[in-house]
Amino acid sequence: MALFTDDPAVRGAKPLMDSTGAIGKGYEAWIAFIYQRKDVRLLSTSESADPHLAQSLRMAYDLGLKVFAFH
């Protein structure tokens, strides 16, 4: 499992908050995480490294954000 991010992402939650506004207006919003490791099977946010980002992603997902991860 890979955890994103390993350090607080100061501006990381802003695009997620913007997407919730767009979803509220009827738009579809997506986010894609790209990772470059072949040994990763699961990708998750790191609650301990950046709880604000993790909470923002959960909230946006609950509101309809489509979340994808690719390698």
PDB file of N, CA and C in Angstrom:
ATOM      1  N   MET A   1       0.847  -1.175   0.000  1.00  0.00           N
ATOM      2  CA  MET A   1       0.000   0.000   0.000  1.00  0.00           C
ATOM      3  C   MET A   1       0.891   1.237   0.000  1.00  0.00           C
ATOM      4  N   ALA A   2       0.521   2.204  -0.802  1.00  0.00           N
ATOM      5  CA  ALA A   2       1.203   3.490  -0.819  1.00  0.00           C
ATOM      6  C   ALA A   2       0.293   4.521  -0.173  1.00  0.00           C
ATOM      7  N   LEU A   3       0.897   5.431   0.574  1.00  0.00           N
ATOM      8  CA  LEU A   3       0.145   6.490   1.229  1.00  0.00           C
ATOM      9  C   LEU A   3       0.520   7.832   0.623  1.00  0.00           C
ATOM     10  N   PHE A   4      -0.473   8.637   0.339  1.00  0.00           N
ATOM     11  CA  PHE A   4      -0.257   9.966  -0.212  1.00  0.00           C
ATOM     12  C   PHE A   4      -0.793  10.964   0.799  1.00  0.00           C
ATOM     13  N   THR A   5      -0.122  11.827   1.153  1.00  0.00           N
ATOM     14  CA  THR A   5       1.199  12.348   0.934  1.00  0.00           C
ATOM     15  C   THR A   5       2.078  12.003   2.131  1.00  0.00           C
ATOM     16  N   ASP A   6       3.382  12.151   1.988  1.00  0.00           N
ATOM     17  CA  ASP A   6       4.258  11.852   3.122  1.00  0.00           C
ATOM     18  C   ASP A   6       4.565  13.104   3.944  1.00  0.00           C
ATOM     19  N   ASP A   7       4.038  14.230   3.513  1.00  0.00           N
ATOM     20  CA  ASP A   7       4.235  15.517   4.165  1.00  0.00           C
ATOM     21  C   ASP A   7       2.957  16.332   3.970  1.00  0.00           C
ATOM     22  N   PRO A   8       2.641  17.251   4.864  1.00  0.00           N
ATOM     23  CA  PRO A   8       1.435  18.054   4.631  1.00  0.00           C
ATOM     24  C   PRO A   8       1.496  18.799   3.298  1.00  0.00           C
ATOM     25  N   ALA A   9       0.450  18.673   2.523  1.00  0.00           N
ATOM     26  CA  ALA A   9       0.346  19.365   1.234  1.00  0.00           C
ATOM     27  C   ALA A   9      -0.401  20.674   1.483  1.00  0.00           C
ATOM     28  N   VAL A  10       0.357  21.750   1.626  1.00  0.00           N
ATOM     29  CA  VAL A  10      -0.227  23.028   2.029  1.00  0.00           C
ATOM     30  C   VAL A  10      -1.400  23.425   1.136  1.00  0.00           C
ATOM     31  N   ARG A  11      -1.267  23.240  -0.158  1.00  0.00           N
ATOM     32  CA  ARG A  11      -2.342  23.608  -1.081  1.00  0.00           C
ATOM     33  C   ARG A  11      -3.109  22.387  -1.589  1.00  0.00           C
ATOM     34  N   GLY A  12      -2.861  21.224  -1.038  1.00  0.00           N
ATOM     35  CA  GLY A  12      -3.444  20.003  -1.567  1.00  0.00           C
ATOM     36  C   GLY A  12      -4.949  19.895  -1.466  1.00  0.00           C
ATOM     37  N   ALA A  13      -5.541  20.465  -0.441  1.00  0.00           N
ATOM     38  CA  ALA A  13      -6.988  20.329  -0.242  1.00  0.00           C
ATOM     39  C   ALA A  13      -7.789  21.329  -1.074  1.00  0.00           C
ATOM     40  N   LYS A  14      -7.176  22.414  -1.528  1.00  0.00           N
ATOM     41  CA  LYS A  14      -7.921  23.441  -2.262  1.00  0.00           C
ATOM     42  C   LYS A  14      -8.604  22.898  -3.517  1.00  0.00           C
ATOM     43  N   PRO A  15      -7.915  22.153  -4.383  1.00  0.00           N
ATOM     44  CA  PRO A  15      -8.623  21.616  -5.559  1.00  0.00           C
ATOM     45  C   PRO A  15      -9.784  20.694  -5.180  1.00  0.00           C
ATOM     46  N   LEU A  16      -9.652  20.006  -4.061  1.00  0.00           N
ATOM     47  CA  LEU A  16     -10.745  19.135  -3.616  1.00  0.00           C
ATOM     48  C   LEU A  16     -11.945  19.973  -3.187  1.00  0.00           C
ATOM     49  N   MET A  17     -11.692  21.068  -2.500  1.00  0.00           N
ATOM     50  CA  MET A  17     -12.776  21.946  -2.084  1.00  0.00           C
ATOM     51  C   MET A  17     -13.427  22.610  -3.311  1.00  0.00           C
ATOM     52  N   ASP A  18     -12.600  22.978  -4.296  1.00  0.00           N
ATOM     53  CA  ASP A  18     -13.147  23.532  -5.540  1.00  0.00           C
ATOM     54  C   ASP A  18     -14.041  22.519  -6.240  1.00  0.00           C
ATOM     55  N   SER A  19     -13.631  21.254  -6.219  1.00  0.00           N
ATOM     56  CA  SER A  19     -14.426  20.228  -6.897  1.00  0.00           C
ATOM     57  C   SER A  19     -15.769  20.032  -6.220  1.00  0.00           C
ATOM     58  N   THR A  20     -15.826  20.166  -4.897  1.00  0.00           N
ATOM     59  CA  THR A  20     -17.121  20.012  -4.224  1.00  0.00           C
ATOM     60  C   THR A  20     -18.068  21.130  -4.631  1.00  0.00           C
ATOM     61  N   GLY A  21     -17.523  22.335  -4.848  1.00  0.00           N
ATOM     62  CA  GLY A  21     -18.361  23.432  -5.335  1.00  0.00           C
ATOM     63  C   GLY A  21     -18.902  23.148  -6.719  1.00  0.00           C
ATOM     64  N   ALA A  22     -18.054  22.588  -7.579  1.00  0.00           N
ATOM     65  CA  ALA A  22     -18.487  22.242  -8.941  1.00  0.00           C
ATOM     66  C   ALA A  22     -19.537  21.133  -8.913  1.00  0.00           C
ATOM     67  N   ILE A  23     -19.338  20.150  -8.055  1.00  0.00           N
ATOM     68  CA  ILE A  23     -20.318  19.058  -7.929  1.00  0.00           C
ATOM     69  C   ILE A  23     -21.656  19.623  -7.462  1.00  0.00           C
ATOM     70  N   GLY A  24     -21.605  20.558  -6.534  1.00  0.00           N
ATOM     71  CA  GLY A  24     -22.825  21.183  -6.032  1.00  0.00           C
ATOM     72  C   GLY A  24     -23.586  21.942  -7.112  1.00  0.00           C
ATOM     73  N   LYS A  25     -22.875  22.371  -8.157  1.00  0.00           N
ATOM     74  CA  LYS A  25     -23.511  23.078  -9.272  1.00  0.00           C
ATOM     75  C   LYS A  25     -23.932  22.127 -10.391  1.00  0.00           C
ATOM     76  N   GLY A  26     -23.766  20.805 -10.163  1.00  0.00           N
ATOM     77  CA  GLY A  26     -24.215  19.829 -11.144  1.00  0.00           C
ATOM     78  C   GLY A  26     -23.133  19.291 -12.067  1.00  0.00           C
ATOM     79  N   TYR A  27     -21.890  19.708 -11.885  1.00  0.00           N
ATOM     80  CA  TYR A  27     -20.797  19.206 -12.719  1.00  0.00           C
ATOM     81  C   TYR A  27     -20.275  17.890 -12.173  1.00  0.00           C
ATOM     82  N   GLU A  28     -19.641  17.124 -13.034  1.00  0.00           N
ATOM     83  CA  GLU A  28     -18.954  15.906 -12.617  1.00  0.00           C
ATOM     84  C   GLU A  28     -17.486  16.261 -12.389  1.00  0.00           C
ATOM     85  N   ALA A  29     -16.909  15.780 -11.323  1.00  0.00           N
ATOM     86  CA  ALA A  29     -15.507  16.069 -11.012  1.00  0.00           C
ATOM     87  C   ALA A  29     -14.750  14.766 -10.792  1.00  0.00           C
ATOM     88  N   TRP A  30     -13.533  14.738 -11.297  1.00  0.00           N
ATOM     89  CA  TRP A  30     -12.661  13.572 -11.174  1.00  0.00           C
ATOM     90  C   TRP A  30     -11.317  14.012 -10.629  1.00  0.00           C
ATOM     91  N   ILE A  31     -10.634  13.090  -9.958  1.00  0.00           N
ATOM     92  CA  ILE A  31      -9.236  13.290  -9.582  1.00  0.00           C
ATOM     93  C   ILE A  31      -8.505  11.988  -9.877  1.00  0.00           C
ATOM     94  N   ALA A  32      -7.305  12.113 -10.389  1.00  0.00           N
ATOM     95  CA  ALA A  32      -6.490  10.931 -10.706  1.00  0.00           C
ATOM     96  C   ALA A  32      -5.162  11.041  -9.976  1.00  0.00           C
ATOM     97  N   PHE A  33      -4.788   9.984  -9.302  1.00  0.00           N
ATOM     98  CA  PHE A  33      -3.483   9.878  -8.663  1.00  0.00           C
ATOM     99  C   PHE A  33      -2.625   8.964  -9.532  1.00  0.00           C
ATOM    100  N   ILE A  34      -1.427   9.407  -9.845  1.00  0.00           N
ATOM    101  CA  ILE A  34      -0.485   8.625 -10.643  1.00  0.00           C
ATOM    102  C   ILE A  34       0.656   8.196  -9.736  1.00  0.00           C
ATOM    103  N   TYR A  35       0.913   6.913  -9.668  1.00  0.00           N
ATOM    104  CA  TYR A  35       2.054   6.432  -8.886  1.00  0.00           C
ATOM    105  C   TYR A  35       2.931   5.587  -9.786  1.00  0.00           C
ATOM    106  N   GLN A  36       4.228   5.577  -9.486  1.00  0.00           N
ATOM    107  CA  GLN A  36       5.192   4.960 -10.385  1.00  0.00           C
ATOM    108  C   GLN A  36       5.873   3.742  -9.778  1.00  0.00           C
ATOM    109  N   ARG A  37       5.155   3.025  -8.974  1.00  0.00           N
ATOM    110  CA  ARG A  37       5.713   1.813  -8.367  1.00  0.00           C
ATOM    111  C   ARG A  37       4.888   0.616  -8.791  1.00  0.00           C
ATOM    112  N   LYS A  38       5.557  -0.402  -9.270  1.00  0.00           N
ATOM    113  CA  LYS A  38       4.860  -1.620  -9.723  1.00  0.00           C
ATOM    114  C   LYS A  38       4.402  -2.495  -8.554  1.00  0.00           C
ATOM    115  N   ASP A  39       5.004  -2.305  -7.366  1.00  0.00           N
ATOM    116  CA  ASP A  39       4.670  -3.158  -6.229  1.00  0.00           C
ATOM    117  C   ASP A  39       3.489  -2.631  -5.408  1.00  0.00           C
ATOM    118  N   VAL A  40       2.880  -1.549  -5.814  1.00  0.00           N
ATOM    119  CA  VAL A  40       1.752  -0.972  -5.080  1.00  0.00           C
ATOM    120  C   VAL A  40       0.444  -1.561  -5.613  1.00  0.00           C
ATOM    121  N   ARG A  41      -0.393  -2.005  -4.710  1.00  0.00           N
ATOM    122  CA  ARG A  41      -1.702  -2.538  -5.072  1.00  0.00           C
ATOM    123  C   ARG A  41      -2.830  -1.643  -4.570  1.00  0.00           C
ATOM    124  N   LEU A  42      -2.569  -0.872  -3.521  1.00  0.00           N
ATOM    125  CA  LEU A  42      -3.567   0.027  -2.943  1.00  0.00           C
ATOM    126  C   LEU A  42      -2.938   1.391  -2.716  1.00  0.00           C
ATOM    127  N   LEU A  43      -3.724   2.425  -2.919  1.00  0.00           N
ATOM    128  CA  LEU A  43      -3.277   3.792  -2.674  1.00  0.00           C
ATOM    129  C   LEU A  43      -4.287   4.445  -1.746  1.00  0.00           C
ATOM    130  N   SER A  44      -3.796   5.114  -0.727  1.00  0.00           N
ATOM    131  CA  SER A  44      -4.673   5.770   0.236  1.00  0.00           C
ATOM    132  C   SER A  44      -4.039   7.082   0.673  1.00  0.00           C
ATOM    133  N   THR A  45      -4.851   7.945   1.268  1.00  0.00           N
ATOM    134  CA  THR A  45      -4.288   9.157   1.844  1.00  0.00           C
ATOM    135  C   THR A  45      -3.661   8.825   3.191  1.00  0.00           C
ATOM    136  N   SER A  46      -2.665   9.591   3.560  1.00  0.00           N
ATOM    137  CA  SER A  46      -2.003   9.399   4.845  1.00  0.00           C
ATOM    138  C   SER A  46      -2.643  10.312   5.878  1.00  0.00           C
ATOM    139  N   GLU A  47      -3.484   9.743   6.688  1.00  0.00           N
ATOM    140  CA  GLU A  47      -4.189  10.496   7.727  1.00  0.00           C
ATOM    141  C   GLU A  47      -3.211  11.151   8.699  1.00  0.00           C
ATOM    142  N   SER A  48      -2.130  10.463   9.013  1.00  0.00           N
ATOM    143  CA  SER A  48      -1.177  11.014   9.984  1.00  0.00           C
ATOM    144  C   SER A  48      -0.319  12.131   9.382  1.00  0.00           C
ATOM    145  N   ALA A  49       0.019  12.045   8.107  1.00  0.00           N
ATOM    146  CA  ALA A  49       0.866  13.064   7.484  1.00  0.00           C
ATOM    147  C   ALA A  49       0.076  14.315   7.120  1.00  0.00           C
ATOM    148  N   ASP A  50      -1.164  14.152   6.662  1.00  0.00           N
ATOM    149  CA  ASP A  50      -1.964  15.307   6.257  1.00  0.00           C
ATOM    150  C   ASP A  50      -3.450  15.024   6.495  1.00  0.00           C
ATOM    151  N   PRO A  51      -3.890  15.172   7.742  1.00  0.00           N
ATOM    152  CA  PRO A  51      -5.290  14.866   8.052  1.00  0.00           C
ATOM    153  C   PRO A  51      -6.290  15.761   7.303  1.00  0.00           C
ATOM    154  N   HIS A  52      -5.908  17.011   7.028  1.00  0.00           N
ATOM    155  CA  HIS A  52      -6.813  17.917   6.309  1.00  0.00           C
ATOM    156  C   HIS A  52      -7.049  17.421   4.879  1.00  0.00           C
ATOM    157  N   LEU A  53      -5.992  16.987   4.208  1.00  0.00           N
ATOM    158  CA  LEU A  53      -6.128  16.453   2.853  1.00  0.00           C
ATOM    159  C   LEU A  53      -6.980  15.182   2.864  1.00  0.00           C
ATOM    160  N   ALA A  54      -6.711  14.294   3.804  1.00  0.00           N
ATOM    161  CA  ALA A  54      -7.468  13.040   3.891  1.00  0.00           C
ATOM    162  C   ALA A  54      -8.951  13.316   4.124  1.00  0.00           C
ATOM    163  N   GLN A  55      -9.256  14.229   5.022  1.00  0.00           N
ATOM    164  CA  GLN A  55     -10.653  14.576   5.314  1.00  0.00           C
ATOM    165  C   GLN A  55     -11.311  15.234   4.107  1.00  0.00           C
ATOM    166  N   SER A  56     -10.584  16.116   3.435  1.00  0.00           N
ATOM    167  CA  SER A  56     -11.132  16.802   2.260  1.00  0.00           C
ATOM    168  C   SER A  56     -11.432  15.822   1.137  1.00  0.00           C
ATOM    169  N   LEU A  57     -10.544  14.850   0.937  1.00  0.00           N
ATOM    170  CA  LEU A  57     -10.774  13.846  -0.108  1.00  0.00           C
ATOM    171  C   LEU A  57     -11.997  12.988   0.223  1.00  0.00           C
ATOM    172  N   ARG A  58     -12.122  12.579   1.476  1.00  0.00           N
ATOM    173  CA  ARG A  58     -13.291  11.789   1.890  1.00  0.00           C
ATOM    174  C   ARG A  58     -14.586  12.566   1.677  1.00  0.00           C
ATOM    175  N   MET A  59     -14.580  13.841   2.060  1.00  0.00           N
ATOM    176  CA  MET A  59     -15.772  14.659   1.916  1.00  0.00           C
ATOM    177  C   MET A  59     -16.132  14.833   0.439  1.00  0.00           C
ATOM    178  N   ALA A  60     -15.134  15.130  -0.393  1.00  0.00           N
ATOM    179  CA  ALA A  60     -15.391  15.302  -1.826  1.00  0.00           C
ATOM    180  C   ALA A  60     -15.903  13.998  -2.440  1.00  0.00           C
ATOM    181  N   TYR A  61     -15.313  12.866  -2.035  1.00  0.00           N
ATOM    182  CA  TYR A  61     -15.765  11.562  -2.528  1.00  0.00           C
ATOM    183  C   TYR A  61     -17.226  11.317  -2.134  1.00  0.00           C
ATOM    184  N   ASP A  62     -17.558  11.609  -0.895  1.00  0.00           N
ATOM    185  CA  ASP A  62     -18.929  11.411  -0.420  1.00  0.00           C
ATOM    186  C   ASP A  62     -19.932  12.274  -1.190  1.00  0.00           C
ATOM    187  N   LEU A  63     -19.460  13.418  -1.692  1.00  0.00           N
ATOM    188  CA  LEU A  63     -20.327  14.312  -2.460  1.00  0.00           C
ATOM    189  C   LEU A  63     -20.395  13.953  -3.942  1.00  0.00           C
ATOM    190  N   GLY A  64     -19.557  12.995  -4.373  1.00  0.00           N
ATOM    191  CA  GLY A  64     -19.625  12.537  -5.757  1.00  0.00           C
ATOM    192  C   GLY A  64     -18.350  12.631  -6.564  1.00  0.00           C
ATOM    193  N   LEU A  65     -17.232  13.068  -5.969  1.00  0.00           N
ATOM    194  CA  LEU A  65     -15.961  13.108  -6.686  1.00  0.00           C
ATOM    195  C   LEU A  65     -15.584  11.696  -7.119  1.00  0.00           C
ATOM    196  N   LYS A  66     -15.200  11.539  -8.374  1.00  0.00           N
ATOM    197  CA  LYS A  66     -14.710  10.248  -8.891  1.00  0.00           C
ATOM    198  C   LYS A  66     -13.204  10.205  -8.648  1.00  0.00           C
ATOM    199  N   VAL A  67     -12.729   9.171  -7.987  1.00  0.00           N
ATOM    200  CA  VAL A  67     -11.322   9.051  -7.617  1.00  0.00           C
ATOM    201  C   VAL A  67     -10.711   7.854  -8.341  1.00  0.00           C
ATOM    202  N   PHE A  68      -9.572   8.091  -9.010  1.00  0.00           N
ATOM    203  CA  PHE A  68      -8.865   7.043  -9.759  1.00  0.00           C
ATOM    204  C   PHE A  68      -7.401   7.036  -9.374  1.00  0.00           C
ATOM    205  N   ALA A  69      -6.788   5.884  -9.462  1.00  0.00           N
ATOM    206  CA  ALA A  69      -5.337   5.753  -9.256  1.00  0.00           C
ATOM    207  C   ALA A  69      -4.774   4.892 -10.371  1.00  0.00           C
ATOM    208  N   PHE A  70      -3.695   5.346 -10.961  1.00  0.00           N
ATOM    209  CA  PHE A  70      -3.057   4.649 -12.095  1.00  0.00           C
ATOM    210  C   PHE A  70      -1.558   4.512 -11.857  1.00  0.00           C
ATOM    211  N   HIS A  71      -1.002   3.461 -12.439  1.00  0.00           N
ATOM    212  CA  HIS A  71       0.467   3.360 -12.468  1.00  0.00           C
ATOM    213  C   HIS A  71       0.917   3.012 -13.848  1.00  0.00           C
TER     214      HIS A  71
END
